[in-house]
Amino acid sequence: NKAKNHPNIEIFEYHFAMELLTEHHLGAKVKELDKI
């Protein structure tokens, strides 16, 4: 109830997070990176 009434919070129901975005999606080989 508090979250629904907070002006800075938007809730996305029935939204499924599939994949985290990293340097991999920019074409980098993440295994070769010091930091991801």
Full PDB file with SEQRES, HELIX, SHEET, SSBOND, CRYST1, ORIGX, SCALE, CONECT and MASTER records, all heavy atoms in Angstrom:
SEQRES   1 A   36  ASN LYS ALA LYS ASN HIS PRO ASN ILE GLU ILE PHE GLU          
SEQRES   2 A   36  TYR HIS PHE ALA MET GLU LEU LEU THR GLU HIS HIS LEU          
SEQRES   3 A   36  GLY ALA LYS VAL LYS GLU LEU ASP LYS ILE                      
HELIX    1 AA1 GLU A   23  LEU A   26  5                                   4    
HELIX    2 AA2 VAL A   30  GLU A   32  5                                   3    
CRYST1    1.000    1.000    1.000  90.00  90.00  90.00 P 1           1          
ORIGX1      1.000000  0.000000  0.000000        0.00000                         
ORIGX2      0.000000  1.000000  0.000000        0.00000                         
ORIGX3      0.000000  0.000000  1.000000        0.00000                         
SCALE1      1.000000  0.000000  0.000000        0.00000                         
SCALE2      0.000000  1.000000  0.000000        0.00000                         
SCALE3      0.000000  0.000000  1.000000        0.00000                         
ATOM      1  N   ASN A   1       0.831  -1.213   0.000  1.00  0.00           N  
ATOM      2  CA  ASN A   1       0.000   0.000   0.000  1.00  0.00           C  
ATOM      3  C   ASN A   1       0.864   1.260   0.000  1.00  0.00           C  
ATOM      4  O   ASN A   1       0.586   2.226  -0.734  1.00  0.00           O  
ATOM      5  CB  ASN A   1      -0.927  -0.004   1.216  1.00  0.00           C  
ATOM      6  CG  ASN A   1      -1.902   1.159   1.208  1.00  0.00           C  
ATOM      7  OD1 ASN A   1      -2.685   1.329   0.269  1.00  0.00           O  
ATOM      8  ND2 ASN A   1      -1.839   1.992   2.238  1.00  0.00           N  
ATOM      9  N   LYS A   2       1.945   1.259   0.779  1.00  0.00           N  
ATOM     10  CA  LYS A   2       2.847   2.414   0.813  1.00  0.00           C  
ATOM     11  C   LYS A   2       3.541   2.593  -0.536  1.00  0.00           C  
ATOM     12  O   LYS A   2       3.693   3.718  -1.028  1.00  0.00           O  
ATOM     13  CB  LYS A   2       3.901   2.235   1.913  1.00  0.00           C  
ATOM     14  CG  LYS A   2       3.398   2.534   3.308  1.00  0.00           C  
ATOM     15  CD  LYS A   2       4.515   2.463   4.340  1.00  0.00           C  
ATOM     16  CE  LYS A   2       5.507   3.589   4.206  1.00  0.00           C  
ATOM     17  NZ  LYS A   2       4.958   4.897   4.555  1.00  0.00           N  
ATOM     18  N   ALA A   3       3.958   1.477  -1.135  1.00  0.00           N  
ATOM     19  CA  ALA A   3       4.652   1.556  -2.424  1.00  0.00           C  
ATOM     20  C   ALA A   3       3.728   2.079  -3.524  1.00  0.00           C  
ATOM     21  O   ALA A   3       4.129   2.894  -4.369  1.00  0.00           O  
ATOM     22  CB  ALA A   3       5.213   0.196  -2.801  1.00  0.00           C  
ATOM     23  N   LYS A   4       2.497   1.615  -3.522  1.00  0.00           N  
ATOM     24  CA  LYS A   4       1.535   2.054  -4.545  1.00  0.00           C  
ATOM     25  C   LYS A   4       1.244   3.546  -4.458  1.00  0.00           C  
ATOM     26  O   LYS A   4       0.900   4.183  -5.457  1.00  0.00           O  
ATOM     27  CB  LYS A   4       0.228   1.263  -4.409  1.00  0.00           C  
ATOM     28  CG  LYS A   4       0.306  -0.167  -4.931  1.00  0.00           C  
ATOM     29  CD  LYS A   4      -1.040  -0.857  -4.817  1.00  0.00           C  
ATOM     30  CE  LYS A   4      -1.000  -2.233  -5.472  1.00  0.00           C  
ATOM     31  NZ  LYS A   4      -2.311  -2.955  -5.344  1.00  0.00           N  
ATOM     32  N   ASN A   5       1.397   4.092  -3.280  1.00  0.00           N  
ATOM     33  CA  ASN A   5       1.072   5.504  -3.086  1.00  0.00           C  
ATOM     34  C   ASN A   5       2.299   6.413  -3.093  1.00  0.00           C  
ATOM     35  O   ASN A   5       2.184   7.607  -2.818  1.00  0.00           O  
ATOM     36  CB  ASN A   5       0.307   5.676  -1.770  1.00  0.00           C  
ATOM     37  CG  ASN A   5      -1.113   5.149  -1.853  1.00  0.00           C  
ATOM     38  OD1 ASN A   5      -1.954   5.721  -2.527  1.00  0.00           O  
ATOM     39  ND2 ASN A   5      -1.372   4.033  -1.189  1.00  0.00           N  
ATOM     40  N   HIS A   6       3.460   5.855  -3.411  1.00  0.00           N  
ATOM     41  CA  HIS A   6       4.673   6.670  -3.457  1.00  0.00           C  
ATOM     42  C   HIS A   6       4.872   7.215  -4.864  1.00  0.00           C  
ATOM     43  O   HIS A   6       4.892   6.447  -5.831  1.00  0.00           O  
ATOM     44  CB  HIS A   6       5.893   5.846  -3.036  1.00  0.00           C  
ATOM     45  CG  HIS A   6       7.053   6.692  -2.613  1.00  0.00           C  
ATOM     46  ND1 HIS A   6       7.722   7.534  -3.490  1.00  0.00           N  
ATOM     47  CD2 HIS A   6       7.658   6.857  -1.403  1.00  0.00           C  
ATOM     48  CE1 HIS A   6       8.690   8.159  -2.838  1.00  0.00           C  
ATOM     49  NE2 HIS A   6       8.671   7.771  -1.576  1.00  0.00           N  
ATOM     50  N   PRO A   7       5.036   8.508  -5.021  1.00  0.00           N  
ATOM     51  CA  PRO A   7       5.135   9.112  -6.362  1.00  0.00           C  
ATOM     52  C   PRO A   7       6.377   8.689  -7.146  1.00  0.00           C  
ATOM     53  O   PRO A   7       6.371   8.781  -8.376  1.00  0.00           O  
ATOM     54  CB  PRO A   7       5.157  10.621  -6.073  1.00  0.00           C  
ATOM     55  CG  PRO A   7       5.640  10.734  -4.661  1.00  0.00           C  
ATOM     56  CD  PRO A   7       5.110   9.532  -3.949  1.00  0.00           C  
ATOM     57  N   ASN A   8       7.401   8.217  -6.485  1.00  0.00           N  
ATOM     58  CA  ASN A   8       8.644   7.847  -7.182  1.00  0.00           C  
ATOM     59  C   ASN A   8       8.739   6.361  -7.495  1.00  0.00           C  
ATOM     60  O   ASN A   8       9.760   5.904  -7.999  1.00  0.00           O  
ATOM     61  CB  ASN A   8       9.863   8.261  -6.349  1.00  0.00           C  
ATOM     62  CG  ASN A   8      10.172   9.741  -6.479  1.00  0.00           C  
ATOM     63  OD1 ASN A   8       9.520  10.451  -7.243  1.00  0.00           O  
ATOM     64  ND2 ASN A   8      11.148  10.204  -5.731  1.00  0.00           N  
ATOM     65  N   ILE A   9       7.676   5.612  -7.183  1.00  0.00           N  
ATOM     66  CA  ILE A   9       7.697   4.160  -7.413  1.00  0.00           C  
ATOM     67  C   ILE A   9       6.663   3.786  -8.462  1.00  0.00           C  
ATOM     68  O   ILE A   9       5.490   4.164  -8.357  1.00  0.00           O  
ATOM     69  CB  ILE A   9       7.409   3.383  -6.108  1.00  0.00           C  
ATOM     70  CG1 ILE A   9       8.514   3.646  -5.076  1.00  0.00           C  
ATOM     71  CG2 ILE A   9       7.307   1.885  -6.386  1.00  0.00           C  
ATOM     72  CD1 ILE A   9       8.263   2.992  -3.724  1.00  0.00           C  
ATOM     73  N   GLU A  10       7.101   3.039  -9.461  1.00  0.00           N  
ATOM     74  CA  GLU A  10       6.196   2.492 -10.472  1.00  0.00           C  
ATOM     75  C   GLU A  10       6.268   0.976 -10.407  1.00  0.00           C  
ATOM     76  O   GLU A  10       7.362   0.389 -10.425  1.00  0.00           O  
ATOM     77  CB  GLU A  10       6.579   2.982 -11.863  1.00  0.00           C  
ATOM     78  CG  GLU A  10       5.564   2.621 -12.937  1.00  0.00           C  
ATOM     79  CD  GLU A  10       5.802   3.327 -14.267  1.00  0.00           C  
ATOM     80  OE1 GLU A  10       6.682   4.216 -14.311  1.00  0.00           O  
ATOM     81  OE2 GLU A  10       5.126   2.969 -15.250  1.00  0.00           O  
ATOM     82  N   ILE A  11       5.111   0.335 -10.304  1.00  0.00           N  
ATOM     83  CA  ILE A  11       5.050  -1.121 -10.164  1.00  0.00           C  
ATOM     84  C   ILE A  11       4.618  -1.741 -11.494  1.00  0.00           C  
ATOM     85  O   ILE A  11       3.590  -1.350 -12.066  1.00  0.00           O  
ATOM     86  CB  ILE A  11       4.079  -1.527  -9.042  1.00  0.00           C  
ATOM     87  CG1 ILE A  11       4.546  -0.940  -7.699  1.00  0.00           C  
ATOM     88  CG2 ILE A  11       3.964  -3.045  -8.943  1.00  0.00           C  
ATOM     89  CD1 ILE A  11       3.564  -1.139  -6.561  1.00  0.00           C  
ATOM     90  N   PHE A  12       5.386  -2.706 -11.959  1.00  0.00           N  
ATOM     91  CA  PHE A  12       5.096  -3.412 -13.207  1.00  0.00           C  
ATOM     92  C   PHE A  12       4.684  -4.847 -12.877  1.00  0.00           C  
ATOM     93  O   PHE A  12       5.516  -5.725 -12.689  1.00  0.00           O  
ATOM     94  CB  PHE A  12       6.330  -3.415 -14.120  1.00  0.00           C  
ATOM     95  CG  PHE A  12       6.725  -2.056 -14.626  1.00  0.00           C  
ATOM     96  CD1 PHE A  12       7.531  -1.230 -13.860  1.00  0.00           C  
ATOM     97  CD2 PHE A  12       6.283  -1.607 -15.864  1.00  0.00           C  
ATOM     98  CE1 PHE A  12       7.911   0.030 -14.326  1.00  0.00           C  
ATOM     99  CE2 PHE A  12       6.650  -0.349 -16.341  1.00  0.00           C  
ATOM    100  CZ  PHE A  12       7.461   0.466 -15.566  1.00  0.00           C  
ATOM    101  N   GLU A  13       3.372  -5.072 -12.799  1.00  0.00           N  
ATOM    102  CA  GLU A  13       2.864  -6.422 -12.538  1.00  0.00           C  
ATOM    103  C   GLU A  13       2.853  -7.231 -13.830  1.00  0.00           C  
ATOM    104  O   GLU A  13       2.786  -6.687 -14.923  1.00  0.00           O  
ATOM    105  CB  GLU A  13       1.460  -6.357 -11.943  1.00  0.00           C  
ATOM    106  CG  GLU A  13       1.425  -5.723 -10.549  1.00  0.00           C  
ATOM    107  CD  GLU A  13       0.034  -5.730  -9.948  1.00  0.00           C  
ATOM    108  OE1 GLU A  13      -0.923  -5.324 -10.645  1.00  0.00           O  
ATOM    109  OE2 GLU A  13      -0.089  -6.140  -8.790  1.00  0.00           O  
ATOM    110  N   TYR A  14       2.916  -8.547 -13.688  1.00  0.00           N  
ATOM    111  CA  TYR A  14       2.956  -9.475 -14.829  1.00  0.00           C  
ATOM    112  C   TYR A  14       4.100  -9.122 -15.782  1.00  0.00           C  
ATOM    113  O   TYR A  14       3.974  -9.217 -16.998  1.00  0.00           O  
ATOM    114  CB  TYR A  14       1.613  -9.513 -15.551  1.00  0.00           C  
ATOM    115  CG  TYR A  14       0.541 -10.179 -14.708  1.00  0.00           C  
ATOM    116  CD1 TYR A  14      -0.298  -9.419 -13.900  1.00  0.00           C  
ATOM    117  CD2 TYR A  14       0.394 -11.563 -14.701  1.00  0.00           C  
ATOM    118  CE1 TYR A  14      -1.261 -10.013 -13.098  1.00  0.00           C  
ATOM    119  CE2 TYR A  14      -0.569 -12.169 -13.905  1.00  0.00           C  
ATOM    120  CZ  TYR A  14      -1.392 -11.394 -13.112  1.00  0.00           C  
ATOM    121  OH  TYR A  14      -2.328 -11.989 -12.319  1.00  0.00           O  
ATOM    122  N   HIS A  15       5.225  -8.734 -15.208  1.00  0.00           N  
ATOM    123  CA  HIS A  15       6.455  -8.485 -15.956  1.00  0.00           C  
ATOM    124  C   HIS A  15       7.528  -9.439 -15.437  1.00  0.00           C  
ATOM    125  O   HIS A  15       7.813  -9.463 -14.230  1.00  0.00           O  
ATOM    126  CB  HIS A  15       6.914  -7.030 -15.786  1.00  0.00           C  
ATOM    127  CG  HIS A  15       6.184  -6.067 -16.664  1.00  0.00           C  
ATOM    128  ND1 HIS A  15       4.841  -5.815 -16.522  1.00  0.00           N  
ATOM    129  CD2 HIS A  15       6.615  -5.299 -17.703  1.00  0.00           C  
ATOM    130  CE1 HIS A  15       4.463  -4.917 -17.436  1.00  0.00           C  
ATOM    131  NE2 HIS A  15       5.522  -4.589 -18.164  1.00  0.00           N  
ATOM    132  N   PHE A  16       8.086 -10.204 -16.318  1.00  0.00           N  
ATOM    133  CA  PHE A  16       9.025 -11.265 -15.950  1.00  0.00           C  
ATOM    134  C   PHE A  16      10.447 -10.856 -16.347  1.00  0.00           C  
ATOM    135  O   PHE A  16      10.751 -10.682 -17.529  1.00  0.00           O  
ATOM    136  CB  PHE A  16       8.638 -12.568 -16.658  1.00  0.00           C  
ATOM    137  CG  PHE A  16       9.426 -13.772 -16.231  1.00  0.00           C  
ATOM    138  CD1 PHE A  16       8.935 -14.634 -15.270  1.00  0.00           C  
ATOM    139  CD2 PHE A  16      10.677 -14.048 -16.774  1.00  0.00           C  
ATOM    140  CE1 PHE A  16       9.660 -15.753 -14.862  1.00  0.00           C  
ATOM    141  CE2 PHE A  16      11.402 -15.149 -16.390  1.00  0.00           C  
ATOM    142  CZ  PHE A  16      10.898 -15.998 -15.430  1.00  0.00           C  
ATOM    143  N   ALA A  17      11.325 -10.690 -15.349  1.00  0.00           N  
ATOM    144  CA  ALA A  17      12.727 -10.373 -15.631  1.00  0.00           C  
ATOM    145  C   ALA A  17      13.418 -11.617 -16.173  1.00  0.00           C  
ATOM    146  O   ALA A  17      13.483 -12.650 -15.503  1.00  0.00           O  
ATOM    147  CB  ALA A  17      13.420  -9.881 -14.370  1.00  0.00           C  
ATOM    148  N   MET A  18      13.938 -11.513 -17.409  1.00  0.00           N  
ATOM    149  CA  MET A  18      14.498 -12.680 -18.099  1.00  0.00           C  
ATOM    150  C   MET A  18      16.015 -12.735 -18.045  1.00  0.00           C  
ATOM    151  O   MET A  18      16.593 -13.811 -17.924  1.00  0.00           O  
ATOM    152  CB  MET A  18      14.087 -12.660 -19.580  1.00  0.00           C  
ATOM    153  CG  MET A  18      12.602 -12.775 -19.812  1.00  0.00           C  
ATOM    154  SD  MET A  18      12.162 -12.371 -21.520  1.00  0.00           S  
ATOM    155  CE  MET A  18      13.639 -12.720 -22.424  1.00  0.00           C  
ATOM    156  N   GLU A  19      16.649 -11.587 -18.163  1.00  0.00           N  
ATOM    157  CA  GLU A  19      18.098 -11.584 -18.350  1.00  0.00           C  
ATOM    158  C   GLU A  19      18.680 -10.265 -17.853  1.00  0.00           C  
ATOM    159  O   GLU A  19      18.154  -9.184 -18.167  1.00  0.00           O  
ATOM    160  CB  GLU A  19      18.403 -11.761 -19.844  1.00  0.00           C  
ATOM    161  CG  GLU A  19      19.817 -12.161 -20.156  1.00  0.00           C  
ATOM    162  CD  GLU A  19      19.946 -12.603 -21.616  1.00  0.00           C  
ATOM    163  OE1 GLU A  19      19.154 -13.462 -22.057  1.00  0.00           O  
ATOM    164  OE2 GLU A  19      20.838 -12.070 -22.293  1.00  0.00           O  
ATOM    165  N   LEU A  20      19.755 -10.345 -17.076  1.00  0.00           N  
ATOM    166  CA  LEU A  20      20.452  -9.146 -16.625  1.00  0.00           C  
ATOM    167  C   LEU A  20      21.317  -8.601 -17.747  1.00  0.00           C  
ATOM    168  O   LEU A  20      21.945  -9.364 -18.488  1.00  0.00           O  
ATOM    169  CB  LEU A  20      21.322  -9.463 -15.403  1.00  0.00           C  
ATOM    170  CG  LEU A  20      20.582  -9.916 -14.145  1.00  0.00           C  
ATOM    171  CD1 LEU A  20      21.577 -10.349 -13.072  1.00  0.00           C  
ATOM    172  CD2 LEU A  20      19.668  -8.803 -13.618  1.00  0.00           C  
ATOM    173  N   LEU A  21      21.352  -7.282 -17.877  1.00  0.00           N  
ATOM    174  CA  LEU A  21      22.126  -6.634 -18.934  1.00  0.00           C  
ATOM    175  C   LEU A  21      23.534  -6.318 -18.428  1.00  0.00           C  
ATOM    176  O   LEU A  21      23.706  -5.644 -17.410  1.00  0.00           O  
ATOM    177  CB  LEU A  21      21.433  -5.343 -19.370  1.00  0.00           C  
ATOM    178  CG  LEU A  21      19.990  -5.491 -19.852  1.00  0.00           C  
ATOM    179  CD1 LEU A  21      19.385  -4.128 -20.165  1.00  0.00           C  
ATOM    180  CD2 LEU A  21      19.917  -6.399 -21.075  1.00  0.00           C  
ATOM    181  N   THR A  22      24.531  -6.814 -19.142  1.00  0.00           N  
ATOM    182  CA  THR A  22      25.936  -6.574 -18.782  1.00  0.00           C  
ATOM    183  C   THR A  22      26.738  -6.252 -20.040  1.00  0.00           C  
ATOM    184  O   THR A  22      26.168  -6.125 -21.136  1.00  0.00           O  
ATOM    185  CB  THR A  22      26.551  -7.816 -18.108  1.00  0.00           C  
ATOM    186  OG1 THR A  22      26.670  -8.868 -19.076  1.00  0.00           O  
ATOM    187  CG2 THR A  22      25.709  -8.291 -16.933  1.00  0.00           C  
ATOM    188  N   GLU A  23      28.062  -6.165 -19.892  1.00  0.00           N  
ATOM    189  CA  GLU A  23      28.940  -5.943 -21.042  1.00  0.00           C  
ATOM    190  C   GLU A  23      28.778  -7.015 -22.112  1.00  0.00           C  
ATOM    191  O   GLU A  23      29.090  -6.782 -23.292  1.00  0.00           O  
ATOM    192  CB  GLU A  23      30.397  -5.891 -20.581  1.00  0.00           C  
ATOM    193  CG  GLU A  23      30.793  -4.602 -19.889  1.00  0.00           C  
ATOM    194  CD  GLU A  23      30.517  -4.590 -18.406  1.00  0.00           C  
ATOM    195  OE1 GLU A  23      29.868  -5.551 -17.920  1.00  0.00           O  
ATOM    196  OE2 GLU A  23      30.930  -3.639 -17.729  1.00  0.00           O  
ATOM    197  N   HIS A  24      28.279  -8.177 -21.719  1.00  0.00           N  
ATOM    198  CA  HIS A  24      28.023  -9.252 -22.685  1.00  0.00           C  
ATOM    199  C   HIS A  24      27.112  -8.772 -23.807  1.00  0.00           C  
ATOM    200  O   HIS A  24      27.296  -9.140 -24.982  1.00  0.00           O  
ATOM    201  CB  HIS A  24      27.385 -10.446 -21.960  1.00  0.00           C  
ATOM    202  CG  HIS A  24      26.806 -11.473 -22.879  1.00  0.00           C  
ATOM    203  ND1 HIS A  24      27.588 -12.366 -23.585  1.00  0.00           N  
ATOM    204  CD2 HIS A  24      25.519 -11.747 -23.225  1.00  0.00           C  
ATOM    205  CE1 HIS A  24      26.810 -13.147 -24.318  1.00  0.00           C  
ATOM    206  NE2 HIS A  24      25.546 -12.789 -24.125  1.00  0.00           N  
ATOM    207  N   HIS A  25      26.143  -7.933 -23.462  1.00  0.00           N  
ATOM    208  CA  HIS A  25      25.190  -7.445 -24.469  1.00  0.00           C  
ATOM    209  C   HIS A  25      25.755  -6.323 -25.321  1.00  0.00           C  
ATOM    210  O   HIS A  25      25.097  -5.849 -26.247  1.00  0.00           O  
ATOM    211  CB  HIS A  25      23.899  -7.010 -23.773  1.00  0.00           C  
ATOM    212  CG  HIS A  25      23.243  -8.133 -23.024  1.00  0.00           C  
ATOM    213  ND1 HIS A  25      23.514  -8.385 -21.693  1.00  0.00           N  
ATOM    214  CD2 HIS A  25      22.369  -9.092 -23.432  1.00  0.00           C  
ATOM    215  CE1 HIS A  25      22.819  -9.440 -21.316  1.00  0.00           C  
ATOM    216  NE2 HIS A  25      22.120  -9.882 -22.339  1.00  0.00           N  
ATOM    217  N   LEU A  26      26.980  -5.919 -24.994  1.00  0.00           N  
ATOM    218  CA  LEU A  26      27.694  -4.938 -25.819  1.00  0.00           C  
ATOM    219  C   LEU A  26      28.799  -5.608 -26.634  1.00  0.00           C  
ATOM    220  O   LEU A  26      29.642  -4.935 -27.224  1.00  0.00           O  
ATOM    221  CB  LEU A  26      28.289  -3.842 -24.928  1.00  0.00           C  
ATOM    222  CG  LEU A  26      27.268  -2.991 -24.162  1.00  0.00           C  
ATOM    223  CD1 LEU A  26      27.974  -2.129 -23.136  1.00  0.00           C  
ATOM    224  CD2 LEU A  26      26.463  -2.134 -25.128  1.00  0.00           C  
ATOM    225  N   GLY A  27      28.792  -6.945 -26.616  1.00  0.00           N  
ATOM    226  CA  GLY A  27      29.752  -7.692 -27.433  1.00  0.00           C  
ATOM    227  C   GLY A  27      31.030  -8.092 -26.735  1.00  0.00           C  
ATOM    228  O   GLY A  27      31.916  -8.705 -27.346  1.00  0.00           O  
ATOM    229  N   ALA A  28      31.168  -7.758 -25.434  1.00  0.00           N  
ATOM    230  CA  ALA A  28      32.399  -8.077 -24.708  1.00  0.00           C  
ATOM    231  C   ALA A  28      32.374  -9.515 -24.208  1.00  0.00           C  
ATOM    232  O   ALA A  28      31.307 -10.101 -23.977  1.00  0.00           O  
ATOM    233  CB  ALA A  28      32.578  -7.127 -23.529  1.00  0.00           C  
ATOM    234  N   LYS A  29      33.544 -10.093 -24.042  1.00  0.00           N  
ATOM    235  CA  LYS A  29      33.679 -11.409 -23.418  1.00  0.00           C  
ATOM    236  C   LYS A  29      33.889 -11.171 -21.933  1.00  0.00           C  
ATOM    237  O   LYS A  29      34.977 -10.797 -21.489  1.00  0.00           O  
ATOM    238  CB  LYS A  29      34.856 -12.164 -24.019  1.00  0.00           C  
ATOM    239  CG  LYS A  29      34.663 -12.518 -25.492  1.00  0.00           C  
ATOM    240  CD  LYS A  29      35.852 -13.305 -26.038  1.00  0.00           C  
ATOM    241  CE  LYS A  29      35.625 -13.670 -27.498  1.00  0.00           C  
ATOM    242  NZ  LYS A  29      36.779 -14.429 -28.071  1.00  0.00           N  
ATOM    243  N   VAL A  30      32.829 -11.411 -21.154  1.00  0.00           N  
ATOM    244  CA  VAL A  30      32.853 -11.010 -19.748  1.00  0.00           C  
ATOM    245  C   VAL A  30      33.901 -11.770 -18.939  1.00  0.00           C  
ATOM    246  O   VAL A  30      34.400 -11.279 -17.919  1.00  0.00           O  
ATOM    247  CB  VAL A  30      31.457 -11.170 -19.098  1.00  0.00           C  
ATOM    248  CG1 VAL A  30      30.475 -10.189 -19.705  1.00  0.00           C  
ATOM    249  CG2 VAL A  30      30.934 -12.589 -19.245  1.00  0.00           C  
ATOM    250  N   LYS A  31      34.268 -12.963 -19.383  1.00  0.00           N  
ATOM    251  CA  LYS A  31      35.289 -13.729 -18.666  1.00  0.00           C  
ATOM    252  C   LYS A  31      36.646 -13.027 -18.693  1.00  0.00           C  
ATOM    253  O   LYS A  31      37.495 -13.270 -17.834  1.00  0.00           O  
ATOM    254  CB  LYS A  31      35.414 -15.133 -19.250  1.00  0.00           C  
ATOM    255  CG  LYS A  31      34.258 -16.056 -18.915  1.00  0.00           C  
ATOM    256  CD  LYS A  31      34.514 -17.462 -19.431  1.00  0.00           C  
ATOM    257  CE  LYS A  31      33.374 -18.403 -19.033  1.00  0.00           C  
ATOM    258  NZ  LYS A  31      33.612 -19.794 -19.518  1.00  0.00           N  
ATOM    259  N   GLU A  32      36.841 -12.164 -19.674  1.00  0.00           N  
ATOM    260  CA  GLU A  32      38.117 -11.471 -19.811  1.00  0.00           C  
ATOM    261  C   GLU A  32      38.129 -10.115 -19.113  1.00  0.00           C  
ATOM    262  O   GLU A  32      39.149  -9.428 -19.099  1.00  0.00           O  
ATOM    263  CB  GLU A  32      38.439 -11.289 -21.300  1.00  0.00           C  
ATOM    264  CG  GLU A  32      38.562 -12.606 -22.070  1.00  0.00           C  
ATOM    265  CD  GLU A  32      38.752 -12.385 -23.562  1.00  0.00           C  
ATOM    266  OE1 GLU A  32      38.799 -11.208 -23.984  1.00  0.00           O  
ATOM    267  OE2 GLU A  32      38.847 -13.393 -24.296  1.00  0.00           O  
ATOM    268  N   LEU A  33      37.009  -9.729 -18.498  1.00  0.00           N  
ATOM    269  CA  LEU A  33      36.904  -8.427 -17.850  1.00  0.00           C  
ATOM    270  C   LEU A  33      37.308  -8.509 -16.381  1.00  0.00           C  
ATOM    271  O   LEU A  33      37.023  -9.501 -15.702  1.00  0.00           O  
ATOM    272  CB  LEU A  33      35.468  -7.897 -17.946  1.00  0.00           C  
ATOM    273  CG  LEU A  33      34.907  -7.665 -19.354  1.00  0.00           C  
ATOM    274  CD1 LEU A  33      33.443  -7.238 -19.254  1.00  0.00           C  
ATOM    275  CD2 LEU A  33      35.709  -6.609 -20.092  1.00  0.00           C  
ATOM    276  N   ASP A  34      37.954  -7.464 -15.891  1.00  0.00           N  
ATOM    277  CA  ASP A  34      38.272  -7.395 -14.465  1.00  0.00           C  
ATOM    278  C   ASP A  34      37.002  -7.196 -13.648  1.00  0.00           C  
ATOM    279  O   ASP A  34      36.857  -7.746 -12.561  1.00  0.00           O  
ATOM    280  CB  ASP A  34      39.235  -6.230 -14.188  1.00  0.00           C  
ATOM    281  CG  ASP A  34      40.615  -6.469 -14.775  1.00  0.00           C  
ATOM    282  OD1 ASP A  34      41.001  -7.646 -14.889  1.00  0.00           O  
ATOM    283  OD2 ASP A  34      41.286  -5.488 -15.135  1.00  0.00           O  
ATOM    284  N   LYS A  35      36.066  -6.402 -14.191  1.00  0.00           N  
ATOM    285  CA  LYS A  35      34.802  -6.147 -13.518  1.00  0.00           C  
ATOM    286  C   LYS A  35      33.656  -6.233 -14.516  1.00  0.00           C  
ATOM    287  O   LYS A  35      33.775  -5.776 -15.645  1.00  0.00           O  
ATOM    288  CB  LYS A  35      34.804  -4.765 -12.852  1.00  0.00           C  
ATOM    289  CG  LYS A  35      35.695  -4.652 -11.628  1.00  0.00           C  
ATOM    290  CD  LYS A  35      35.533  -3.283 -10.978  1.00  0.00           C  
ATOM    291  CE  LYS A  35      36.385  -3.180  -9.709  1.00  0.00           C  
ATOM    292  NZ  LYS A  35      36.234  -1.847  -9.064  1.00  0.00           N  
ATOM    293  N   ILE A  36      32.562  -6.812 -14.054  1.00  0.00           N  
ATOM    294  CA  ILE A  36      31.333  -6.858 -14.850  1.00  0.00           C  
ATOM    295  C   ILE A  36      30.358  -5.864 -14.217  1.00  0.00           C  
ATOM    296  O   ILE A  36      30.291  -5.729 -12.998  1.00  0.00           O  
ATOM    297  CB  ILE A  36      30.723  -8.270 -14.855  1.00  0.00           C  
ATOM    298  CG1 ILE A  36      31.742  -9.315 -15.328  1.00  0.00           C  
ATOM    299  CG2 ILE A  36      29.473  -8.320 -15.734  1.00  0.00           C  
ATOM    300  CD1 ILE A  36      31.273 -10.751 -15.157  1.00  0.00           C  
TER     301      ILE A  36                                                      
MASTER        0    0    0    2    0    0    0    6  300    1    0    3          
END                                                                             
